[in-house]
Amino acid sequence: MPEKERIPVAPDAVFYHDTETYTIVVELPGVHKKDIEFEAMENGFCVTAPRDDIKYSGCWVLTHKTVPTKAIATFSNGLLKVTIPLAERIAGFMVPIK
């Protein structure tokens, strides 16, 4: 029997960083933890997660390199939270506003 066709949907995602770590939060309501696929790369990530009627799927590019082998992911209440260390500490220069 063929697999049920699901409507593709890009999930909402929020990502932010401090000087050492990216934090990524992806909304996946109605999904089971066992069905989530999260792939981290040095410069981005992809997530795929089916539920009964839709299939969440999306990829994002990050502005700073990460260490994907040290990523930590948790899933609770429909939210996938991933922390990934940055490959290099970020240091910027504060520009005065005139």
N, C-alpha and C. Protein backbone atom coordinates (compact mmCIF):
# COMPACT_ATOMS: atom_id res chain seq x y z
N MET A 1 0.85 -1.18 0.00
CA MET A 1 0.00 0.00 0.00
C MET A 1 0.89 1.24 0.00
N PRO A 2 0.64 2.24 -0.87
CA PRO A 2 1.48 3.43 -0.92
C PRO A 2 1.35 4.27 0.34
N GLU A 3 2.46 4.98 0.67
CA GLU A 3 2.46 5.85 1.83
C GLU A 3 1.49 7.01 1.60
N LYS A 4 0.80 7.42 2.65
CA LYS A 4 -0.15 8.53 2.57
C LYS A 4 0.58 9.80 2.13
N GLU A 5 0.02 10.50 1.16
CA GLU A 5 0.63 11.74 0.69
C GLU A 5 0.38 12.84 1.71
N ARG A 6 1.45 13.55 2.07
CA ARG A 6 1.35 14.63 3.05
C ARG A 6 1.67 15.95 2.39
N ILE A 7 1.04 16.99 2.85
CA ILE A 7 1.28 18.33 2.33
C ILE A 7 2.61 18.83 2.89
N PRO A 8 3.54 19.30 2.04
CA PRO A 8 4.82 19.81 2.54
C PRO A 8 4.64 21.19 3.18
N VAL A 9 5.25 21.37 4.35
CA VAL A 9 5.15 22.63 5.09
C VAL A 9 6.53 22.97 5.66
N ALA A 10 6.97 24.21 5.47
CA ALA A 10 8.21 24.67 6.09
C ALA A 10 7.90 25.07 7.53
N PRO A 11 8.57 24.47 8.50
CA PRO A 11 8.27 24.80 9.90
C PRO A 11 8.83 26.17 10.28
N ASP A 12 8.23 26.76 11.29
CA ASP A 12 8.78 28.00 11.84
C ASP A 12 10.03 27.66 12.64
N ALA A 13 11.05 28.46 12.47
CA ALA A 13 12.30 28.24 13.19
C ALA A 13 12.86 29.58 13.66
N VAL A 14 13.43 29.56 14.84
CA VAL A 14 14.11 30.71 15.40
C VAL A 14 15.52 30.26 15.75
N PHE A 15 16.50 31.04 15.35
CA PHE A 15 17.86 30.70 15.75
C PHE A 15 18.60 31.97 16.14
N TYR A 16 19.42 31.83 17.16
CA TYR A 16 20.18 32.96 17.69
C TYR A 16 21.47 32.41 18.26
N HIS A 17 22.42 33.30 18.53
CA HIS A 17 23.69 32.86 19.08
C HIS A 17 24.25 33.86 20.06
N ASP A 18 25.13 33.35 20.90
CA ASP A 18 25.95 34.22 21.72
C ASP A 18 27.37 34.10 21.15
N THR A 19 28.39 34.34 21.93
CA THR A 19 29.75 34.30 21.38
C THR A 19 30.28 32.88 21.21
N GLU A 20 29.56 31.86 21.73
CA GLU A 20 30.08 30.50 21.69
C GLU A 20 29.12 29.45 21.12
N THR A 21 27.81 29.73 21.10
CA THR A 21 26.84 28.69 20.77
C THR A 21 25.66 29.23 19.96
N TYR A 22 25.22 28.45 18.97
CA TYR A 22 23.95 28.70 18.29
C TYR A 22 22.87 27.95 19.05
N THR A 23 21.70 28.55 19.18
CA THR A 23 20.52 27.87 19.69
C THR A 23 19.47 27.94 18.60
N ILE A 24 18.89 26.78 18.29
CA ILE A 24 17.89 26.67 17.23
C ILE A 24 16.63 26.09 17.84
N VAL A 25 15.49 26.72 17.59
CA VAL A 25 14.20 26.20 18.05
C VAL A 25 13.29 26.08 16.83
N VAL A 26 12.78 24.87 16.59
CA VAL A 26 11.93 24.60 15.44
C VAL A 26 10.58 24.12 15.96
N GLU A 27 9.49 24.74 15.48
CA GLU A 27 8.14 24.33 15.88
C GLU A 27 7.69 23.14 15.05
N LEU A 28 7.38 22.03 15.73
CA LEU A 28 6.92 20.81 15.06
C LEU A 28 5.70 20.24 15.79
N PRO A 29 4.58 20.97 15.83
CA PRO A 29 3.41 20.48 16.55
C PRO A 29 2.84 19.21 15.94
N GLY A 30 2.45 18.29 16.82
CA GLY A 30 1.82 17.06 16.37
C GLY A 30 2.77 15.99 15.88
N VAL A 31 4.06 16.23 16.00
CA VAL A 31 5.08 15.29 15.52
C VAL A 31 5.54 14.41 16.68
N HIS A 32 5.91 13.17 16.39
CA HIS A 32 6.51 12.28 17.38
C HIS A 32 8.03 12.39 17.30
N LYS A 33 8.67 12.39 18.46
CA LYS A 33 10.13 12.53 18.52
C LYS A 33 10.85 11.53 17.64
N LYS A 34 10.37 10.31 17.59
CA LYS A 34 11.03 9.25 16.82
C LYS A 34 11.01 9.51 15.31
N ASP A 35 10.13 10.39 14.85
CA ASP A 35 9.98 10.66 13.42
C ASP A 35 10.80 11.87 12.94
N ILE A 36 11.46 12.57 13.86
CA ILE A 36 12.20 13.78 13.50
C ILE A 36 13.59 13.41 12.98
N GLU A 37 13.95 14.01 11.86
CA GLU A 37 15.31 13.89 11.33
C GLU A 37 15.91 15.29 11.32
N PHE A 38 17.02 15.45 12.03
CA PHE A 38 17.71 16.74 12.10
C PHE A 38 19.14 16.51 11.65
N GLU A 39 19.55 17.21 10.62
CA GLU A 39 20.91 17.08 10.10
C GLU A 39 21.62 18.42 10.27
N ALA A 40 22.73 18.40 11.00
CA ALA A 40 23.51 19.61 11.21
C ALA A 40 24.78 19.54 10.36
N MET A 41 25.09 20.65 9.72
CA MET A 41 26.31 20.79 8.95
C MET A 41 27.11 21.95 9.54
N GLU A 42 28.33 22.15 9.08
CA GLU A 42 29.15 23.25 9.59
C GLU A 42 28.49 24.60 9.37
N ASN A 43 27.75 24.74 8.27
CA ASN A 43 27.20 26.05 7.94
C ASN A 43 25.67 26.09 7.83
N GLY A 44 25.00 25.09 8.38
CA GLY A 44 23.54 25.09 8.32
C GLY A 44 22.93 23.85 8.92
N PHE A 45 21.62 23.72 8.73
CA PHE A 45 20.92 22.54 9.24
C PHE A 45 19.66 22.30 8.42
N CYS A 46 19.20 21.05 8.44
CA CYS A 46 17.95 20.64 7.80
C CYS A 46 17.13 19.83 8.79
N VAL A 47 15.82 19.98 8.71
CA VAL A 47 14.92 19.20 9.56
C VAL A 47 13.79 18.66 8.70
N THR A 48 13.41 17.42 8.97
CA THR A 48 12.27 16.77 8.32
C THR A 48 11.50 16.03 9.41
N ALA A 49 10.16 16.19 9.39
CA ALA A 49 9.35 15.52 10.40
C ALA A 49 7.92 15.37 9.88
N PRO A 50 7.48 14.13 9.66
CA PRO A 50 6.11 13.92 9.21
C PRO A 50 5.13 13.81 10.37
N ARG A 51 3.91 14.18 10.11
CA ARG A 51 2.80 13.87 11.01
C ARG A 51 1.68 13.36 10.12
N ASP A 52 0.51 13.11 10.63
CA ASP A 52 -0.55 12.46 9.86
C ASP A 52 -0.88 13.15 8.54
N ASP A 53 -1.02 14.47 8.56
CA ASP A 53 -1.52 15.17 7.39
C ASP A 53 -0.49 16.00 6.62
N ILE A 54 0.64 16.35 7.28
CA ILE A 54 1.65 17.18 6.64
C ILE A 54 3.05 16.63 6.88
N LYS A 55 4.00 17.16 6.13
CA LYS A 55 5.41 16.80 6.33
C LYS A 55 6.19 18.10 6.46
N TYR A 56 6.70 18.35 7.68
CA TYR A 56 7.54 19.52 7.90
C TYR A 56 8.90 19.25 7.25
N SER A 57 9.40 20.24 6.54
CA SER A 57 10.70 20.08 5.90
C SER A 57 11.29 21.45 5.62
N GLY A 58 12.57 21.63 5.98
CA GLY A 58 13.23 22.89 5.70
C GLY A 58 14.71 22.81 5.97
N CYS A 59 15.45 23.68 5.31
CA CYS A 59 16.89 23.81 5.51
C CYS A 59 17.22 25.29 5.67
N TRP A 60 18.19 25.58 6.52
CA TRP A 60 18.61 26.95 6.78
C TRP A 60 20.12 27.05 6.74
N VAL A 61 20.62 28.22 6.35
CA VAL A 61 22.05 28.50 6.33
C VAL A 61 22.37 29.40 7.52
N LEU A 62 23.45 29.08 8.22
CA LEU A 62 23.90 29.87 9.35
C LEU A 62 25.05 30.78 8.92
N THR A 63 25.22 31.89 9.58
CA THR A 63 26.26 32.85 9.19
C THR A 63 27.64 32.52 9.77
N HIS A 64 27.67 31.66 10.78
CA HIS A 64 28.95 31.29 11.40
C HIS A 64 29.10 29.77 11.38
N LYS A 65 30.34 29.30 11.22
CA LYS A 65 30.60 27.85 11.22
C LYS A 65 30.35 27.27 12.61
N THR A 66 29.85 26.03 12.60
CA THR A 66 29.56 25.33 13.85
C THR A 66 30.34 24.02 13.91
N VAL A 67 30.22 23.34 15.04
CA VAL A 67 30.79 22.00 15.23
C VAL A 67 29.61 21.03 15.34
N PRO A 68 29.11 20.52 14.20
CA PRO A 68 27.89 19.72 14.21
C PRO A 68 27.99 18.42 15.02
N THR A 69 29.18 17.88 15.17
CA THR A 69 29.34 16.63 15.92
C THR A 69 29.08 16.83 17.42
N LYS A 70 29.02 18.08 17.87
CA LYS A 70 28.78 18.35 19.29
C LYS A 70 27.39 18.95 19.53
N ALA A 71 26.51 18.84 18.55
CA ALA A 71 25.15 19.35 18.70
C ALA A 71 24.37 18.52 19.72
N ILE A 72 23.50 19.19 20.45
CA ILE A 72 22.62 18.52 21.43
C ILE A 72 21.19 18.92 21.10
N ALA A 73 20.30 17.92 20.93
CA ALA A 73 18.91 18.18 20.56
C ALA A 73 17.96 17.60 21.60
N THR A 74 16.90 18.36 21.90
CA THR A 74 15.82 17.89 22.77
C THR A 74 14.49 18.23 22.10
N PHE A 75 13.46 17.47 22.44
CA PHE A 75 12.13 17.70 21.87
C PHE A 75 11.11 17.61 22.98
N SER A 76 10.30 18.67 23.14
CA SER A 76 9.29 18.70 24.17
C SER A 76 8.17 19.66 23.76
N ASN A 77 6.93 19.22 23.94
CA ASN A 77 5.75 20.06 23.67
C ASN A 77 5.76 20.66 22.27
N GLY A 78 6.18 19.88 21.28
CA GLY A 78 6.15 20.34 19.89
C GLY A 78 7.31 21.24 19.49
N LEU A 79 8.28 21.42 20.38
CA LEU A 79 9.43 22.27 20.08
C LEU A 79 10.72 21.46 20.07
N LEU A 80 11.42 21.51 18.95
CA LEU A 80 12.74 20.91 18.84
C LEU A 80 13.76 21.99 19.17
N LYS A 81 14.58 21.76 20.19
CA LYS A 81 15.61 22.74 20.58
C LYS A 81 16.97 22.09 20.40
N VAL A 82 17.82 22.78 19.63
CA VAL A 82 19.16 22.27 19.34
C VAL A 82 20.18 23.33 19.71
N THR A 83 21.22 22.93 20.42
CA THR A 83 22.35 23.83 20.67
C THR A 83 23.56 23.25 19.96
N ILE A 84 24.28 24.14 19.25
CA ILE A 84 25.46 23.73 18.49
C ILE A 84 26.58 24.72 18.80
N PRO A 85 27.73 24.21 19.25
CA PRO A 85 28.84 25.13 19.51
C PRO A 85 29.37 25.76 18.22
N LEU A 86 29.78 27.00 18.33
CA LEU A 86 30.41 27.68 17.20
C LEU A 86 31.83 27.15 17.03
N ALA A 87 32.31 27.09 15.80
CA ALA A 87 33.66 26.61 15.53
C ALA A 87 34.70 27.60 16.06
N GLU A 88 34.36 28.89 16.03
CA GLU A 88 35.26 29.93 16.54
C GLU A 88 34.44 30.90 17.37
N ARG A 89 35.04 31.38 18.41
CA ARG A 89 34.39 32.39 19.25
C ARG A 89 34.18 33.65 18.43
N ILE A 90 33.01 34.26 18.56
CA ILE A 90 32.70 35.47 17.81
C ILE A 90 33.15 36.69 18.61
N ALA A 91 33.88 37.56 17.96
CA ALA A 91 34.28 38.82 18.58
C ALA A 91 34.06 39.92 17.55
N GLY A 92 33.37 40.94 17.95
CA GLY A 92 33.09 42.05 17.04
C GLY A 92 33.68 43.34 17.58
N PHE A 93 33.39 44.39 16.88
CA PHE A 93 33.84 45.73 17.26
C PHE A 93 32.61 46.60 17.40
N MET A 94 32.45 47.22 18.54
CA MET A 94 31.32 48.10 18.77
C MET A 94 31.56 49.42 18.03
N VAL A 95 30.63 49.78 17.17
CA VAL A 95 30.73 51.01 16.39
C VAL A 95 29.91 52.09 17.07
N PRO A 96 30.54 53.22 17.40
CA PRO A 96 29.77 54.29 18.04
C PRO A 96 28.73 54.89 17.09
N ILE A 97 27.59 55.21 17.60
CA ILE A 97 26.51 55.81 16.83
C ILE A 97 26.56 57.33 17.05
N LYS A 98 26.62 58.07 15.98
CA LYS A 98 26.70 59.55 16.09
C LYS A 98 25.34 60.17 15.88
